[in-house]
Amino acid sequence: MEKLRRRLLDAVDRRRGEVLSRDYGTERPDPGKLIREGLSIAERVIRAVPITDPAWLDTVIKALIDAKAKQSASGISDDGWHDEDGWILGGISGVIGDAQKLR
């Protein structure tokens, strides 16, 4: 399970690096910041699931989907921006996809 966890956290780091290397212009709220917020939510979820869980990957995927639904219901970033375009959700969704590929 630790190996899967490491691979998934590496995928989060890779996505974060891709977002940081992209120029999103001067749009406000900054799409890159919002995507990174979604990635941070996903990272917290991954780290919160005990590695001793025998169905670790399935539990992580379910927790990520739940976190995405919760964020979708709120639609607000940590800084109070309305995420009308779903950038935060996109960050979480990308990690859900990465987790599903590990199945």
C-alpha atoms as a PDB file:
ATOM      1  CA  MET A   1       0.000   0.000   0.000  1.00  0.00           C
ATOM      2  CA  GLU A   2       2.853   2.364   0.756  1.00  0.00           C
ATOM      3  CA  LYS A   3       4.081   1.984  -2.809  1.00  0.00           C
ATOM      4  CA  LEU A   4       0.657   2.960  -4.185  1.00  0.00           C
ATOM      5  CA  ARG A   5       0.489   5.889  -1.790  1.00  0.00           C
ATOM      6  CA  ARG A   6       3.903   7.126  -2.916  1.00  0.00           C
ATOM      7  CA  ARG A   7       2.959   6.793  -6.591  1.00  0.00           C
ATOM      8  CA  LEU A   8      -0.243   8.751  -6.044  1.00  0.00           C
ATOM      9  CA  LEU A   9       1.502  11.493  -4.066  1.00  0.00           C
ATOM     10  CA  ASP A  10       4.149  11.653  -6.818  1.00  0.00           C
ATOM     11  CA  ALA A  11       1.339  12.158  -9.344  1.00  0.00           C
ATOM     12  CA  VAL A  12       0.024  15.067  -7.243  1.00  0.00           C
ATOM     13  CA  ASP A  13       3.517  16.602  -7.185  1.00  0.00           C
ATOM     14  CA  ARG A  14       3.860  16.128 -10.948  1.00  0.00           C
ATOM     15  CA  ARG A  15       0.528  17.852 -11.561  1.00  0.00           C
ATOM     16  CA  ARG A  16       1.498  20.687  -9.214  1.00  0.00           C
ATOM     17  CA  GLY A  17       4.720  21.188 -11.178  1.00  0.00           C
ATOM     18  CA  GLU A  18       2.816  21.258 -14.475  1.00  0.00           C
ATOM     19  CA  VAL A  19       0.441  23.898 -13.114  1.00  0.00           C
ATOM     20  CA  LEU A  20       3.296  26.028 -11.785  1.00  0.00           C
ATOM     21  CA  SER A  21       5.048  25.940 -15.150  1.00  0.00           C
ATOM     22  CA  ARG A  22       1.989  27.160 -17.062  1.00  0.00           C
ATOM     23  CA  ASP A  23       1.141  30.821 -17.603  1.00  0.00           C
ATOM     24  CA  TYR A  24      -2.516  31.505 -16.860  1.00  0.00           C
ATOM     25  CA  GLY A  25      -2.208  35.204 -17.576  1.00  0.00           C
ATOM     26  CA  THR A  26      -3.710  37.826 -15.300  1.00  0.00           C
ATOM     27  CA  GLU A  27      -7.130  36.263 -14.860  1.00  0.00           C
ATOM     28  CA  ARG A  28      -8.605  36.591 -11.371  1.00  0.00           C
ATOM     29  CA  PRO A  29      -9.050  34.408  -9.529  1.00  0.00           C
ATOM     30  CA  ASP A  30      -5.828  32.819 -10.731  1.00  0.00           C
ATOM     31  CA  PRO A  31      -6.726  29.435 -12.293  1.00  0.00           C
ATOM     32  CA  GLY A  32      -3.325  28.009 -11.353  1.00  0.00           C
ATOM     33  CA  LYS A  33      -3.852  28.902  -7.707  1.00  0.00           C
ATOM     34  CA  LEU A  34      -7.288  27.293  -7.764  1.00  0.00           C
ATOM     35  CA  ILE A  35      -6.009  24.106  -9.411  1.00  0.00           C
ATOM     36  CA  ARG A  36      -3.227  23.893  -6.816  1.00  0.00           C
ATOM     37  CA  GLU A  37      -5.863  24.287  -4.108  1.00  0.00           C
ATOM     38  CA  GLY A  38      -7.685  21.273  -5.563  1.00  0.00           C
ATOM     39  CA  LEU A  39      -4.417  19.339  -5.590  1.00  0.00           C
ATOM     40  CA  SER A  40      -3.813  20.271  -1.950  1.00  0.00           C
ATOM     41  CA  ILE A  41      -7.275  19.016  -1.019  1.00  0.00           C
ATOM     42  CA  ALA A  42      -6.521  15.742  -2.815  1.00  0.00           C
ATOM     43  CA  GLU A  43      -3.152  15.424  -1.092  1.00  0.00           C
ATOM     44  CA  ARG A  44      -4.742  15.906   2.338  1.00  0.00           C
ATOM     45  CA  VAL A  45      -7.313  13.237   1.530  1.00  0.00           C
ATOM     46  CA  ILE A  46      -4.635  10.771   0.406  1.00  0.00           C
ATOM     47  CA  ARG A  47      -2.576  11.347   3.539  1.00  0.00           C
ATOM     48  CA  ALA A  48      -5.648  11.021   5.781  1.00  0.00           C
ATOM     49  CA  VAL A  49      -6.495   7.476   4.700  1.00  0.00           C
ATOM     50  CA  PRO A  50      -4.617   5.013   6.919  1.00  0.00           C
ATOM     51  CA  ILE A  51      -2.126   2.958   4.943  1.00  0.00           C
ATOM     52  CA  THR A  52      -3.253  -0.051   6.997  1.00  0.00           C
ATOM     53  CA  ASP A  53      -6.668   0.019   5.307  1.00  0.00           C
ATOM     54  CA  PRO A  54      -6.821  -3.256   3.298  1.00  0.00           C
ATOM     55  CA  ALA A  55      -8.850  -1.529   0.571  1.00  0.00           C
ATOM     56  CA  TRP A  56      -6.643   1.574   0.677  1.00  0.00           C
ATOM     57  CA  LEU A  57      -6.916   2.590  -2.972  1.00  0.00           C
ATOM     58  CA  ASP A  58     -10.689   2.124  -3.115  1.00  0.00           C
ATOM     59  CA  THR A  59     -11.045   4.077   0.141  1.00  0.00           C
ATOM     60  CA  VAL A  60      -8.875   6.890  -1.245  1.00  0.00           C
ATOM     61  CA  ILE A  61     -10.898   7.080  -4.460  1.00  0.00           C
ATOM     62  CA  LYS A  62     -14.158   7.230  -2.503  1.00  0.00           C
ATOM     63  CA  ALA A  63     -12.720   9.902  -0.183  1.00  0.00           C
ATOM     64  CA  LEU A  64     -11.527  11.945  -3.179  1.00  0.00           C
ATOM     65  CA  ILE A  65     -14.952  11.727  -4.804  1.00  0.00           C
ATOM     66  CA  ASP A  66     -16.539  12.820  -1.509  1.00  0.00           C
ATOM     67  CA  ALA A  67     -14.094  15.737  -1.221  1.00  0.00           C
ATOM     68  CA  LYS A  68     -14.900  16.778  -4.785  1.00  0.00           C
ATOM     69  CA  ALA A  69     -18.636  16.692  -4.034  1.00  0.00           C
ATOM     70  CA  LYS A  70     -18.128  18.756  -0.901  1.00  0.00           C
ATOM     71  CA  GLN A  71     -16.071  21.331  -2.815  1.00  0.00           C
ATOM     72  CA  SER A  72     -18.639  21.391  -5.608  1.00  0.00           C
ATOM     73  CA  ALA A  73     -21.382  22.138  -3.095  1.00  0.00           C
ATOM     74  CA  SER A  74     -19.416  25.050  -1.646  1.00  0.00           C
ATOM     75  CA  GLY A  75     -17.883  26.404  -4.851  1.00  0.00           C
ATOM     76  CA  ILE A  76     -15.672  28.746  -2.818  1.00  0.00           C
ATOM     77  CA  SER A  77     -11.870  28.734  -2.601  1.00  0.00           C
ATOM     78  CA  ASP A  78      -9.918  29.076   0.626  1.00  0.00           C
ATOM     79  CA  ASP A  79      -9.457  32.752  -0.249  1.00  0.00           C
ATOM     80  CA  GLY A  80     -13.167  33.310  -0.796  1.00  0.00           C
ATOM     81  CA  TRP A  81     -13.107  33.286  -4.611  1.00  0.00           C
ATOM     82  CA  HIS A  82     -16.083  31.762  -6.411  1.00  0.00           C
ATOM     83  CA  ASP A  83     -14.708  28.886  -8.473  1.00  0.00           C
ATOM     84  CA  GLU A  84     -17.233  29.374 -11.262  1.00  0.00           C
ATOM     85  CA  ASP A  85     -15.114  27.563 -13.842  1.00  0.00           C
ATOM     86  CA  GLY A  86     -14.421  24.522 -11.657  1.00  0.00           C
ATOM     87  CA  TRP A  87     -10.636  24.846 -11.461  1.00  0.00           C
ATOM     88  CA  ILE A  88     -10.489  23.403  -7.938  1.00  0.00           C
ATOM     89  CA  LEU A  89     -12.689  20.507  -8.998  1.00  0.00           C
ATOM     90  CA  GLY A  90     -10.409  19.948 -11.977  1.00  0.00           C
ATOM     91  CA  GLY A  91      -7.424  19.575  -9.675  1.00  0.00           C
ATOM     92  CA  ILE A  92      -9.243  16.979  -7.579  1.00  0.00           C
ATOM     93  CA  SER A  93     -10.592  15.216 -10.684  1.00  0.00           C
ATOM     94  CA  GLY A  94      -7.109  14.825 -12.115  1.00  0.00           C
ATOM     95  CA  VAL A  95      -5.974  13.012  -8.988  1.00  0.00           C
ATOM     96  CA  ILE A  96      -9.093  10.825  -9.023  1.00  0.00           C
ATOM     97  CA  GLY A  97      -8.125   9.813 -12.565  1.00  0.00           C
ATOM     98  CA  ASP A  98      -4.561   9.078 -11.464  1.00  0.00           C
ATOM     99  CA  ALA A  99      -5.873   6.916  -8.607  1.00  0.00           C
ATOM    100  CA  GLN A 100      -8.203   5.013 -10.913  1.00  0.00           C
ATOM    101  CA  LYS A 101      -5.301   4.255 -13.254  1.00  0.00           C
ATOM    102  CA  LEU A 102      -3.491   2.601 -10.336  1.00  0.00           C
ATOM    103  CA  ARG A 103      -6.272   0.020  -9.914  1.00  0.00           C
END
